[in-house]
Amino acid sequence: MSKFVNKTSLSIVLAEEYGMKKKDAIKIINRIFDEMSEALEENGQVDITGFGKFVIFDRKSRKGINPVSKEAMEIPASKLPKFKPSTTLKAKCNKDRFIED
């Protein structure tokens, strides 16, 4: 079965591994994600060595179709966070592909 990770599961691992309260671990995790969000909000980037990089991608305005009325419409430009995995993470995700017999 594949592993599922969220803030709660991360807090449990931190609490067990470092002997802290789950409540304190959640505070630390929330602070980390807040800092990452603030950096991206300010058009910065988040670079986590061995994991990957989060950057802001400028999406241009484009034409679309309203699914209800089927009328053409203009979809405004927007900014989106984009994730670029590191080569280390790519290698970990593909380690089973290069097993020799």
N, C-alpha and C. Protein backbone atom coordinates (compact mmCIF):
# COMPACT_ATOMS: atom_id res chain seq x y z
N MET A 1 0.85 -1.19 0.00
CA MET A 1 0.00 0.00 0.00
C MET A 1 0.89 1.24 0.00
N SER A 2 0.47 2.25 -0.73
CA SER A 2 1.27 3.47 -0.79
C SER A 2 1.12 4.28 0.50
N LYS A 3 2.11 5.04 0.79
CA LYS A 3 2.14 5.84 2.01
C LYS A 3 1.41 7.16 1.78
N PHE A 4 0.67 7.60 2.77
CA PHE A 4 -0.07 8.85 2.71
C PHE A 4 0.51 9.80 3.75
N VAL A 5 0.86 11.02 3.34
CA VAL A 5 1.46 11.99 4.25
C VAL A 5 0.62 13.25 4.27
N ASN A 6 0.29 13.72 5.47
CA ASN A 6 -0.37 15.01 5.66
C ASN A 6 0.20 15.63 6.94
N LYS A 7 -0.31 16.78 7.34
CA LYS A 7 0.23 17.45 8.52
C LYS A 7 0.11 16.59 9.78
N THR A 8 -1.00 15.89 9.91
CA THR A 8 -1.21 15.05 11.09
C THR A 8 -0.18 13.92 11.14
N SER A 9 0.03 13.24 10.02
CA SER A 9 0.99 12.14 10.01
C SER A 9 2.42 12.65 10.24
N LEU A 10 2.73 13.83 9.68
CA LEU A 10 4.05 14.42 9.94
C LEU A 10 4.23 14.75 11.42
N SER A 11 3.18 15.28 12.04
CA SER A 11 3.28 15.65 13.46
C SER A 11 3.48 14.42 14.33
N ILE A 12 2.87 13.31 13.98
CA ILE A 12 3.04 12.07 14.74
C ILE A 12 4.49 11.59 14.64
N VAL A 13 5.05 11.62 13.44
CA VAL A 13 6.44 11.20 13.24
C VAL A 13 7.39 12.11 14.03
N LEU A 14 7.19 13.42 13.93
CA LEU A 14 8.05 14.36 14.67
C LEU A 14 7.94 14.14 16.18
N ALA A 15 6.72 14.00 16.67
CA ALA A 15 6.51 13.82 18.10
C ALA A 15 7.20 12.56 18.61
N GLU A 16 7.07 11.46 17.86
CA GLU A 16 7.68 10.20 18.28
C GLU A 16 9.21 10.25 18.18
N GLU A 17 9.69 10.79 17.07
CA GLU A 17 11.14 10.77 16.83
C GLU A 17 11.92 11.74 17.72
N TYR A 18 11.31 12.87 18.06
CA TYR A 18 12.03 13.89 18.84
C TYR A 18 11.48 14.08 20.24
N GLY A 19 10.57 13.21 20.67
CA GLY A 19 10.07 13.25 22.04
C GLY A 19 9.37 14.54 22.40
N MET A 20 8.56 15.04 21.50
CA MET A 20 7.81 16.27 21.77
C MET A 20 6.32 15.99 21.73
N LYS A 21 5.56 16.94 22.18
CA LYS A 21 4.11 16.81 22.13
C LYS A 21 3.65 17.00 20.69
N LYS A 22 2.59 16.28 20.33
CA LYS A 22 2.03 16.38 18.99
C LYS A 22 1.61 17.82 18.69
N LYS A 23 1.07 18.50 19.69
CA LYS A 23 0.64 19.89 19.55
C LYS A 23 1.82 20.79 19.16
N ASP A 24 2.99 20.57 19.77
CA ASP A 24 4.18 21.35 19.45
C ASP A 24 4.70 21.03 18.05
N ALA A 25 4.61 19.77 17.67
CA ALA A 25 5.04 19.35 16.34
C ALA A 25 4.16 20.00 15.27
N ILE A 26 2.86 20.09 15.51
CA ILE A 26 1.94 20.73 14.57
C ILE A 26 2.29 22.22 14.42
N LYS A 27 2.65 22.87 15.54
CA LYS A 27 3.05 24.28 15.49
C LYS A 27 4.27 24.47 14.59
N ILE A 28 5.24 23.58 14.72
CA ILE A 28 6.46 23.65 13.91
C ILE A 28 6.13 23.45 12.43
N ILE A 29 5.34 22.45 12.14
CA ILE A 29 4.95 22.16 10.75
C ILE A 29 4.19 23.33 10.16
N ASN A 30 3.24 23.89 10.90
CA ASN A 30 2.48 25.04 10.41
C ASN A 30 3.39 26.23 10.15
N ARG A 31 4.37 26.44 11.00
CA ARG A 31 5.31 27.56 10.81
C ARG A 31 6.13 27.38 9.54
N ILE A 32 6.56 26.15 9.28
CA ILE A 32 7.32 25.86 8.07
C ILE A 32 6.48 26.17 6.83
N PHE A 33 5.25 25.68 6.81
CA PHE A 33 4.38 25.91 5.65
C PHE A 33 3.99 27.37 5.52
N ASP A 34 3.83 28.07 6.64
CA ASP A 34 3.54 29.51 6.59
C ASP A 34 4.70 30.26 5.95
N GLU A 35 5.91 29.92 6.33
CA GLU A 35 7.10 30.57 5.77
C GLU A 35 7.21 30.31 4.28
N MET A 36 6.94 29.07 3.86
CA MET A 36 6.97 28.73 2.44
C MET A 36 5.91 29.51 1.68
N SER A 37 4.71 29.58 2.23
CA SER A 37 3.60 30.30 1.58
C SER A 37 3.91 31.78 1.45
N GLU A 38 4.48 32.37 2.50
CA GLU A 38 4.83 33.79 2.46
C GLU A 38 5.87 34.07 1.38
N ALA A 39 6.85 33.20 1.24
CA ALA A 39 7.87 33.39 0.20
C ALA A 39 7.24 33.35 -1.18
N LEU A 40 6.36 32.40 -1.42
CA LEU A 40 5.71 32.29 -2.73
C LEU A 40 4.76 33.45 -2.97
N GLU A 41 4.10 33.89 -1.93
CA GLU A 41 3.18 35.03 -2.02
C GLU A 41 3.92 36.29 -2.48
N GLU A 42 5.17 36.41 -2.10
CA GLU A 42 6.00 37.57 -2.46
C GLU A 42 6.80 37.33 -3.73
N ASN A 43 6.35 36.38 -4.56
CA ASN A 43 7.02 36.01 -5.82
C ASN A 43 8.41 35.44 -5.60
N GLY A 44 8.68 34.93 -4.42
CA GLY A 44 9.97 34.31 -4.15
C GLY A 44 9.93 32.85 -4.58
N GLN A 45 10.87 32.10 -4.08
CA GLN A 45 10.88 30.68 -4.36
C GLN A 45 11.27 29.91 -3.10
N VAL A 46 10.90 28.66 -3.08
CA VAL A 46 11.23 27.78 -1.96
C VAL A 46 12.08 26.65 -2.53
N ASP A 47 13.32 26.55 -2.08
CA ASP A 47 14.25 25.55 -2.59
C ASP A 47 14.66 24.64 -1.45
N ILE A 48 14.24 23.39 -1.52
CA ILE A 48 14.56 22.41 -0.48
C ILE A 48 15.51 21.39 -1.10
N THR A 49 16.77 21.48 -0.72
CA THR A 49 17.81 20.62 -1.28
C THR A 49 17.44 19.15 -1.12
N GLY A 50 17.57 18.41 -2.20
CA GLY A 50 17.27 16.98 -2.19
C GLY A 50 15.80 16.66 -2.37
N PHE A 51 14.95 17.68 -2.41
CA PHE A 51 13.51 17.46 -2.58
C PHE A 51 13.00 18.16 -3.84
N GLY A 52 13.17 19.48 -3.90
CA GLY A 52 12.73 20.21 -5.08
C GLY A 52 12.56 21.68 -4.81
N LYS A 53 12.00 22.36 -5.80
CA LYS A 53 11.87 23.80 -5.75
C LYS A 53 10.43 24.19 -6.10
N PHE A 54 9.88 25.12 -5.33
CA PHE A 54 8.57 25.70 -5.62
C PHE A 54 8.82 27.09 -6.17
N VAL A 55 8.24 27.39 -7.32
CA VAL A 55 8.36 28.72 -7.93
C VAL A 55 6.98 29.21 -8.34
N ILE A 56 6.87 30.51 -8.60
CA ILE A 56 5.61 31.08 -9.07
C ILE A 56 5.66 31.12 -10.60
N PHE A 57 4.61 30.60 -11.20
CA PHE A 57 4.47 30.55 -12.66
C PHE A 57 3.40 31.54 -13.06
N ASP A 58 3.71 32.44 -14.00
CA ASP A 58 2.73 33.41 -14.50
C ASP A 58 1.96 32.78 -15.65
N ARG A 59 0.69 32.55 -15.42
CA ARG A 59 -0.17 31.98 -16.45
C ARG A 59 -0.82 33.12 -17.22
N LYS A 60 -0.68 33.13 -18.53
CA LYS A 60 -1.23 34.19 -19.36
C LYS A 60 -2.75 34.07 -19.44
N SER A 61 -3.41 35.18 -19.77
CA SER A 61 -4.85 35.12 -19.98
C SER A 61 -5.10 34.29 -21.24
N ARG A 62 -6.26 33.66 -21.29
CA ARG A 62 -6.56 32.79 -22.41
C ARG A 62 -8.05 32.74 -22.65
N LYS A 63 -8.43 32.24 -23.80
CA LYS A 63 -9.85 32.12 -24.13
C LYS A 63 -10.34 30.76 -23.64
N GLY A 64 -11.57 30.75 -23.17
CA GLY A 64 -12.17 29.53 -22.69
C GLY A 64 -13.65 29.52 -23.05
N ILE A 65 -14.33 28.47 -22.63
CA ILE A 65 -15.77 28.35 -22.89
C ILE A 65 -16.47 28.11 -21.57
N ASN A 66 -17.50 28.91 -21.31
CA ASN A 66 -18.32 28.72 -20.12
C ASN A 66 -19.06 27.39 -20.28
N PRO A 67 -18.85 26.43 -19.38
CA PRO A 67 -19.47 25.11 -19.53
C PRO A 67 -21.00 25.13 -19.43
N VAL A 68 -21.55 26.13 -18.76
CA VAL A 68 -23.00 26.21 -18.59
C VAL A 68 -23.66 26.83 -19.82
N SER A 69 -23.17 28.02 -20.21
CA SER A 69 -23.80 28.75 -21.32
C SER A 69 -23.17 28.45 -22.68
N LYS A 70 -22.03 27.78 -22.69
CA LYS A 70 -21.27 27.46 -23.91
C LYS A 70 -20.78 28.71 -24.65
N GLU A 71 -20.76 29.85 -23.96
CA GLU A 71 -20.28 31.09 -24.56
C GLU A 71 -18.77 31.23 -24.37
N ALA A 72 -18.13 31.85 -25.35
CA ALA A 72 -16.70 32.12 -25.24
C ALA A 72 -16.48 33.17 -24.16
N MET A 73 -15.37 33.02 -23.43
CA MET A 73 -15.06 33.97 -22.37
C MET A 73 -13.56 34.10 -22.24
N GLU A 74 -13.14 35.18 -21.64
CA GLU A 74 -11.72 35.43 -21.39
C GLU A 74 -11.40 34.97 -19.97
N ILE A 75 -10.42 34.09 -19.84
CA ILE A 75 -9.96 33.65 -18.52
C ILE A 75 -8.77 34.54 -18.16
N PRO A 76 -8.87 35.27 -17.06
CA PRO A 76 -7.81 36.24 -16.73
C PRO A 76 -6.47 35.56 -16.38
N ALA A 77 -5.41 36.33 -16.52
CA ALA A 77 -4.07 35.86 -16.14
C ALA A 77 -4.05 35.58 -14.64
N SER A 78 -3.20 34.64 -14.24
CA SER A 78 -3.09 34.32 -12.82
C SER A 78 -1.68 33.83 -12.52
N LYS A 79 -1.38 33.74 -11.24
CA LYS A 79 -0.09 33.22 -10.79
C LYS A 79 -0.35 31.90 -10.08
N LEU A 80 0.47 30.91 -10.39
CA LEU A 80 0.31 29.59 -9.80
C LEU A 80 1.64 29.10 -9.22
N PRO A 81 1.59 28.42 -8.09
CA PRO A 81 2.82 27.78 -7.62
C PRO A 81 3.09 26.53 -8.47
N LYS A 82 4.35 26.32 -8.76
CA LYS A 82 4.75 25.17 -9.57
C LYS A 82 5.89 24.46 -8.85
N PHE A 83 5.88 23.13 -8.90
CA PHE A 83 6.90 22.34 -8.23
C PHE A 83 7.81 21.69 -9.26
N LYS A 84 9.13 21.83 -9.02
CA LYS A 84 10.12 21.18 -9.86
C LYS A 84 10.92 20.23 -8.98
N PRO A 85 10.75 18.93 -9.15
CA PRO A 85 11.48 17.98 -8.29
C PRO A 85 12.98 18.01 -8.54
N SER A 86 13.74 17.73 -7.49
CA SER A 86 15.20 17.67 -7.64
C SER A 86 15.58 16.36 -8.32
N THR A 87 16.79 16.31 -8.82
CA THR A 87 17.26 15.07 -9.45
C THR A 87 17.34 13.94 -8.41
N THR A 88 17.62 14.29 -7.16
CA THR A 88 17.66 13.29 -6.08
C THR A 88 16.29 12.66 -5.89
N LEU A 89 15.24 13.49 -5.84
CA LEU A 89 13.87 12.98 -5.67
C LEU A 89 13.45 12.17 -6.90
N LYS A 90 13.80 12.63 -8.09
CA LYS A 90 13.47 11.88 -9.31
C LYS A 90 14.11 10.49 -9.26
N ALA A 91 15.36 10.43 -8.84
CA ALA A 91 16.07 9.15 -8.76
C ALA A 91 15.41 8.22 -7.75
N LYS A 92 15.00 8.77 -6.60
CA LYS A 92 14.33 7.94 -5.58
C LYS A 92 13.01 7.38 -6.10
N CYS A 93 12.28 8.20 -6.85
CA CYS A 93 10.99 7.78 -7.38
C CYS A 93 11.12 6.74 -8.49
N ASN A 94 12.29 6.70 -9.13
CA ASN A 94 12.50 5.79 -10.26
C ASN A 94 13.51 4.70 -9.98
N LYS A 95 13.85 4.46 -8.72
CA LYS A 95 14.90 3.48 -8.41
C LYS A 95 14.52 2.07 -8.85
N ASP A 96 13.24 1.73 -8.86
CA ASP A 96 12.80 0.40 -9.28
C ASP A 96 12.94 0.18 -10.78
N ARG A 97 13.04 1.23 -11.55
CA ARG A 97 13.09 1.12 -13.00
C ARG A 97 14.45 0.68 -13.51
N PHE A 98 15.48 0.78 -12.71
CA PHE A 98 16.82 0.52 -13.19
C PHE A 98 17.47 -0.69 -12.52
N ILE A 99 16.66 -1.62 -12.07
CA ILE A 99 17.18 -2.84 -11.44
C ILE A 99 17.60 -3.81 -12.56
N GLU A 100 18.84 -4.26 -12.48
CA GLU A 100 19.35 -5.20 -13.49
C GLU A 100 19.18 -6.62 -12.98
N ASP A 101 18.92 -7.53 -13.92
CA ASP A 101 18.75 -8.96 -13.57
C ASP A 101 20.08 -9.65 -13.42
